[in-house]
Every structure is written in C-alpha cells, then in structure tokens.
Amino acid sequence: SYVYSEISSNFDGSCFVENIRDESSKYGLQKLQEKILLKVLKQKEMEVHRVEEGRCMIRDRLCHRKVLIVLDDVDHFDQLKALA
C-alpha cells in the first residue's frame, strides 16, 4: 500500500483493489471491473453487465494509457483474466 501511494502519481490512472477473493464472491467480478474502470478513468458512472463485456471495456479503454492496477488476494486465474 505504501509503495502504491508513492508511485501511483507516475501513471495516467491507478487503482488498488483489495480482497479480490471476498469481494468477487460477494459482489461479482462485474462490480470489481466497474470499480477499476471508474477509478482509473476518473468517472462517476459506468455499468458492466457481463464479465466478458467488462474485460473488453478494460482492454479497449486502458490499453493505450499508462496505468497501475494492484489486485490484492487473487485466488483464481479467472479473476486475474477478468480484471487485468
């Protein structure tokens, strides 16, 4: 968390997502995808209806930007695929 705070200003956008394991089981990967997109793009509203849609949105909207995304407590490869 300290390292993230120190270097996040060097990026166009950044997001630190804690407790992926718990959050994804409670709220679903779509909500985590929305959280990443909202935080990195500095928007107030965004809706992701399906995980595949969220993957495409993350790829398309963030691929040409210098971003820092830290994913904490990932326990399944599907979580990583959906969020990074």
N, C-alpha and C. Protein backbone atom coordinates (compact mmCIF):
# COMPACT_ATOMS: atom_id res chain seq x y z
N SER A 1 0.82 -1.19 0.00
CA SER A 1 0.00 0.00 0.00
C SER A 1 0.87 1.27 0.00
N TYR A 2 1.95 1.25 0.75
CA TYR A 2 2.85 2.41 0.78
C TYR A 2 3.52 2.61 -0.58
N VAL A 3 3.99 1.54 -1.17
CA VAL A 3 4.65 1.64 -2.48
C VAL A 3 3.65 2.15 -3.52
N TYR A 4 2.41 1.63 -3.47
CA TYR A 4 1.36 2.09 -4.39
C TYR A 4 1.18 3.60 -4.24
N SER A 5 1.06 4.08 -3.03
CA SER A 5 0.88 5.52 -2.79
C SER A 5 2.03 6.34 -3.33
N GLU A 6 3.22 5.82 -3.20
CA GLU A 6 4.40 6.54 -3.64
C GLU A 6 4.52 6.63 -5.17
N ILE A 7 4.13 5.58 -5.88
CA ILE A 7 4.37 5.57 -7.33
C ILE A 7 3.12 5.83 -8.17
N SER A 8 1.94 5.81 -7.59
CA SER A 8 0.71 5.93 -8.39
C SER A 8 0.61 7.25 -9.14
N SER A 9 1.23 8.29 -8.64
CA SER A 9 1.16 9.59 -9.33
C SER A 9 1.96 9.59 -10.64
N ASN A 10 2.78 8.58 -10.86
CA ASN A 10 3.56 8.48 -12.10
C ASN A 10 2.76 7.87 -13.25
N PHE A 11 1.49 7.58 -13.02
CA PHE A 11 0.66 6.91 -14.01
C PHE A 11 -0.53 7.79 -14.41
N ASP A 12 -1.08 7.53 -15.58
CA ASP A 12 -2.26 8.26 -16.05
C ASP A 12 -3.47 7.96 -15.17
N GLY A 13 -3.52 6.76 -14.64
CA GLY A 13 -4.60 6.35 -13.75
C GLY A 13 -4.12 5.19 -12.90
N SER A 14 -4.75 5.00 -11.75
CA SER A 14 -4.34 3.90 -10.88
C SER A 14 -5.52 3.43 -10.04
N CYS A 15 -5.39 2.19 -9.58
CA CYS A 15 -6.45 1.60 -8.75
C CYS A 15 -5.84 0.48 -7.92
N PHE A 16 -6.16 0.47 -6.64
CA PHE A 16 -5.75 -0.60 -5.73
C PHE A 16 -7.01 -1.32 -5.30
N VAL A 17 -7.16 -2.57 -5.70
CA VAL A 17 -8.36 -3.34 -5.37
C VAL A 17 -7.99 -4.39 -4.33
N GLU A 18 -8.54 -4.23 -3.14
CA GLU A 18 -8.24 -5.14 -2.04
C GLU A 18 -9.23 -6.29 -1.99
N ASN A 19 -8.78 -7.38 -1.39
CA ASN A 19 -9.64 -8.53 -1.08
C ASN A 19 -10.46 -9.04 -2.27
N ILE A 20 -9.79 -9.29 -3.37
CA ILE A 20 -10.46 -9.78 -4.58
C ILE A 20 -11.27 -11.04 -4.28
N ARG A 21 -10.71 -11.94 -3.52
CA ARG A 21 -11.40 -13.20 -3.23
C ARG A 21 -12.76 -12.96 -2.58
N ASP A 22 -12.79 -12.17 -1.53
CA ASP A 22 -14.04 -11.89 -0.82
C ASP A 22 -14.98 -11.01 -1.64
N GLU A 23 -14.44 -9.95 -2.22
CA GLU A 23 -15.26 -9.01 -2.97
C GLU A 23 -15.92 -9.66 -4.18
N SER A 24 -15.17 -10.51 -4.89
CA SER A 24 -15.76 -11.14 -6.08
C SER A 24 -16.84 -12.13 -5.70
N SER A 25 -16.68 -12.81 -4.58
CA SER A 25 -17.73 -13.76 -4.17
C SER A 25 -18.97 -13.03 -3.66
N LYS A 26 -18.80 -11.87 -3.05
CA LYS A 26 -19.94 -11.11 -2.53
C LYS A 26 -20.67 -10.33 -3.62
N TYR A 27 -19.89 -9.64 -4.48
CA TYR A 27 -20.49 -8.69 -5.41
C TYR A 27 -20.35 -9.07 -6.88
N GLY A 28 -19.48 -10.02 -7.19
CA GLY A 28 -19.26 -10.43 -8.56
C GLY A 28 -18.12 -9.67 -9.22
N LEU A 29 -17.56 -10.27 -10.24
CA LEU A 29 -16.42 -9.66 -10.94
C LEU A 29 -16.83 -8.40 -11.70
N GLN A 30 -18.08 -8.31 -12.12
CA GLN A 30 -18.53 -7.13 -12.85
C GLN A 30 -18.38 -5.87 -11.99
N LYS A 31 -18.71 -5.97 -10.72
CA LYS A 31 -18.60 -4.80 -9.82
C LYS A 31 -17.14 -4.40 -9.63
N LEU A 32 -16.26 -5.38 -9.59
CA LEU A 32 -14.83 -5.06 -9.48
C LEU A 32 -14.32 -4.44 -10.77
N GLN A 33 -14.80 -4.91 -11.90
CA GLN A 33 -14.43 -4.31 -13.18
C GLN A 33 -14.91 -2.86 -13.23
N GLU A 34 -16.13 -2.62 -12.80
CA GLU A 34 -16.65 -1.25 -12.75
C GLU A 34 -15.77 -0.38 -11.84
N LYS A 35 -15.40 -0.91 -10.70
CA LYS A 35 -14.57 -0.16 -9.75
C LYS A 35 -13.24 0.24 -10.39
N ILE A 36 -12.61 -0.69 -11.09
CA ILE A 36 -11.34 -0.40 -11.75
C ILE A 36 -11.52 0.68 -12.81
N LEU A 37 -12.51 0.51 -13.67
CA LEU A 37 -12.74 1.47 -14.74
C LEU A 37 -13.08 2.85 -14.19
N LEU A 38 -13.94 2.92 -13.20
CA LEU A 38 -14.32 4.21 -12.62
C LEU A 38 -13.12 4.92 -12.01
N LYS A 39 -12.34 4.18 -11.26
CA LYS A 39 -11.19 4.79 -10.57
C LYS A 39 -10.10 5.22 -11.55
N VAL A 40 -9.76 4.35 -12.49
CA VAL A 40 -8.67 4.66 -13.43
C VAL A 40 -9.08 5.77 -14.39
N LEU A 41 -10.31 5.73 -14.88
CA LEU A 41 -10.78 6.72 -15.85
C LEU A 41 -11.35 7.97 -15.18
N LYS A 42 -11.44 7.95 -13.85
CA LYS A 42 -11.95 9.08 -13.06
C LYS A 42 -13.35 9.49 -13.52
N GLN A 43 -14.21 8.48 -13.62
CA GLN A 43 -15.60 8.73 -13.99
C GLN A 43 -16.49 8.46 -12.80
N LYS A 44 -17.71 8.95 -12.87
CA LYS A 44 -18.66 8.79 -11.77
C LYS A 44 -19.60 7.61 -11.98
N GLU A 45 -19.84 7.26 -13.22
CA GLU A 45 -20.82 6.22 -13.51
C GLU A 45 -20.36 5.33 -14.64
N MET A 46 -20.59 4.04 -14.47
CA MET A 46 -20.30 3.06 -15.51
C MET A 46 -20.95 1.75 -15.09
N GLU A 47 -21.52 1.06 -16.06
CA GLU A 47 -22.16 -0.21 -15.77
C GLU A 47 -21.56 -1.31 -16.62
N VAL A 48 -21.26 -2.41 -15.98
CA VAL A 48 -20.78 -3.62 -16.66
C VAL A 48 -21.82 -4.69 -16.40
N HIS A 49 -22.37 -5.26 -17.47
CA HIS A 49 -23.44 -6.25 -17.33
C HIS A 49 -22.93 -7.69 -17.33
N ARG A 50 -21.84 -7.92 -18.05
CA ARG A 50 -21.27 -9.28 -18.13
C ARG A 50 -19.76 -9.19 -17.98
N VAL A 51 -19.15 -10.24 -17.46
CA VAL A 51 -17.71 -10.25 -17.24
C VAL A 51 -16.96 -10.05 -18.56
N GLU A 52 -17.40 -10.70 -19.63
CA GLU A 52 -16.73 -10.55 -20.93
C GLU A 52 -16.82 -9.11 -21.42
N GLU A 53 -17.94 -8.47 -21.21
CA GLU A 53 -18.11 -7.06 -21.58
C GLU A 53 -17.10 -6.20 -20.80
N GLY A 54 -16.96 -6.48 -19.51
CA GLY A 54 -16.01 -5.75 -18.68
C GLY A 54 -14.58 -5.95 -19.12
N ARG A 55 -14.24 -7.18 -19.50
CA ARG A 55 -12.88 -7.45 -20.00
C ARG A 55 -12.59 -6.61 -21.23
N CYS A 56 -13.55 -6.56 -22.15
CA CYS A 56 -13.38 -5.77 -23.37
C CYS A 56 -13.26 -4.28 -23.06
N MET A 57 -14.06 -3.80 -22.12
CA MET A 57 -14.01 -2.39 -21.74
C MET A 57 -12.66 -2.03 -21.14
N ILE A 58 -12.16 -2.89 -20.25
CA ILE A 58 -10.86 -2.65 -19.64
C ILE A 58 -9.77 -2.64 -20.71
N ARG A 59 -9.78 -3.63 -21.58
CA ARG A 59 -8.79 -3.71 -22.64
C ARG A 59 -8.86 -2.49 -23.56
N ASP A 60 -10.04 -2.18 -24.04
CA ASP A 60 -10.19 -1.10 -25.02
C ASP A 60 -9.92 0.28 -24.45
N ARG A 61 -10.34 0.53 -23.24
CA ARG A 61 -10.22 1.88 -22.67
C ARG A 61 -8.90 2.14 -21.95
N LEU A 62 -8.20 1.07 -21.58
CA LEU A 62 -6.97 1.27 -20.82
C LEU A 62 -5.71 0.88 -21.58
N CYS A 63 -5.84 0.27 -22.75
CA CYS A 63 -4.66 -0.30 -23.42
C CYS A 63 -3.65 0.75 -23.89
N HIS A 64 -4.06 1.96 -24.15
CA HIS A 64 -3.13 2.99 -24.61
C HIS A 64 -2.77 3.99 -23.52
N ARG A 65 -3.06 3.64 -22.31
CA ARG A 65 -2.75 4.50 -21.16
C ARG A 65 -1.71 3.83 -20.27
N LYS A 66 -0.99 4.63 -19.58
CA LYS A 66 -0.04 4.13 -18.60
C LYS A 66 -0.78 4.05 -17.26
N VAL A 67 -1.16 2.82 -16.87
CA VAL A 67 -1.97 2.64 -15.66
C VAL A 67 -1.29 1.68 -14.68
N LEU A 68 -1.63 1.85 -13.43
CA LEU A 68 -1.17 0.96 -12.37
C LEU A 68 -2.40 0.37 -11.71
N ILE A 69 -2.52 -0.94 -11.79
CA ILE A 69 -3.63 -1.65 -11.16
C ILE A 69 -3.04 -2.72 -10.25
N VAL A 70 -3.34 -2.62 -8.97
CA VAL A 70 -2.86 -3.60 -8.00
C VAL A 70 -4.06 -4.43 -7.55
N LEU A 71 -3.95 -5.74 -7.71
CA LEU A 71 -5.01 -6.66 -7.34
C LEU A 71 -4.55 -7.49 -6.15
N ASP A 72 -5.21 -7.33 -5.03
CA ASP A 72 -4.83 -7.99 -3.77
C ASP A 72 -5.70 -9.22 -3.54
N ASP A 73 -5.07 -10.32 -3.15
CA ASP A 73 -5.74 -11.54 -2.74
C ASP A 73 -6.51 -12.22 -3.88
N VAL A 74 -5.88 -12.31 -5.03
CA VAL A 74 -6.45 -13.05 -6.16
C VAL A 74 -6.22 -14.53 -5.89
N ASP A 75 -7.28 -15.34 -5.97
CA ASP A 75 -7.11 -16.76 -5.72
C ASP A 75 -7.56 -17.65 -6.88
N HIS A 76 -8.02 -17.05 -7.98
CA HIS A 76 -8.39 -17.82 -9.18
C HIS A 76 -7.89 -17.08 -10.42
N PHE A 77 -7.41 -17.85 -11.38
CA PHE A 77 -6.91 -17.26 -12.62
C PHE A 77 -8.01 -16.49 -13.34
N ASP A 78 -9.26 -16.92 -13.24
CA ASP A 78 -10.38 -16.22 -13.88
C ASP A 78 -10.52 -14.80 -13.36
N GLN A 79 -10.24 -14.58 -12.10
CA GLN A 79 -10.28 -13.24 -11.52
C GLN A 79 -9.24 -12.35 -12.19
N LEU A 80 -8.05 -12.88 -12.33
CA LEU A 80 -6.98 -12.13 -12.96
C LEU A 80 -7.31 -11.82 -14.42
N LYS A 81 -7.83 -12.81 -15.14
CA LYS A 81 -8.21 -12.59 -16.54
C LYS A 81 -9.29 -11.53 -16.67
N ALA A 82 -10.22 -11.48 -15.75
CA ALA A 82 -11.33 -10.54 -15.82
C ALA A 82 -10.92 -9.12 -15.43
N LEU A 83 -9.89 -8.98 -14.62
CA LEU A 83 -9.57 -7.68 -14.04
C LEU A 83 -8.29 -7.04 -14.57
N ALA A 84 -7.49 -7.79 -15.26
CA ALA A 84 -6.21 -7.22 -15.73
C ALA A 84 -6.10 -7.25 -17.24
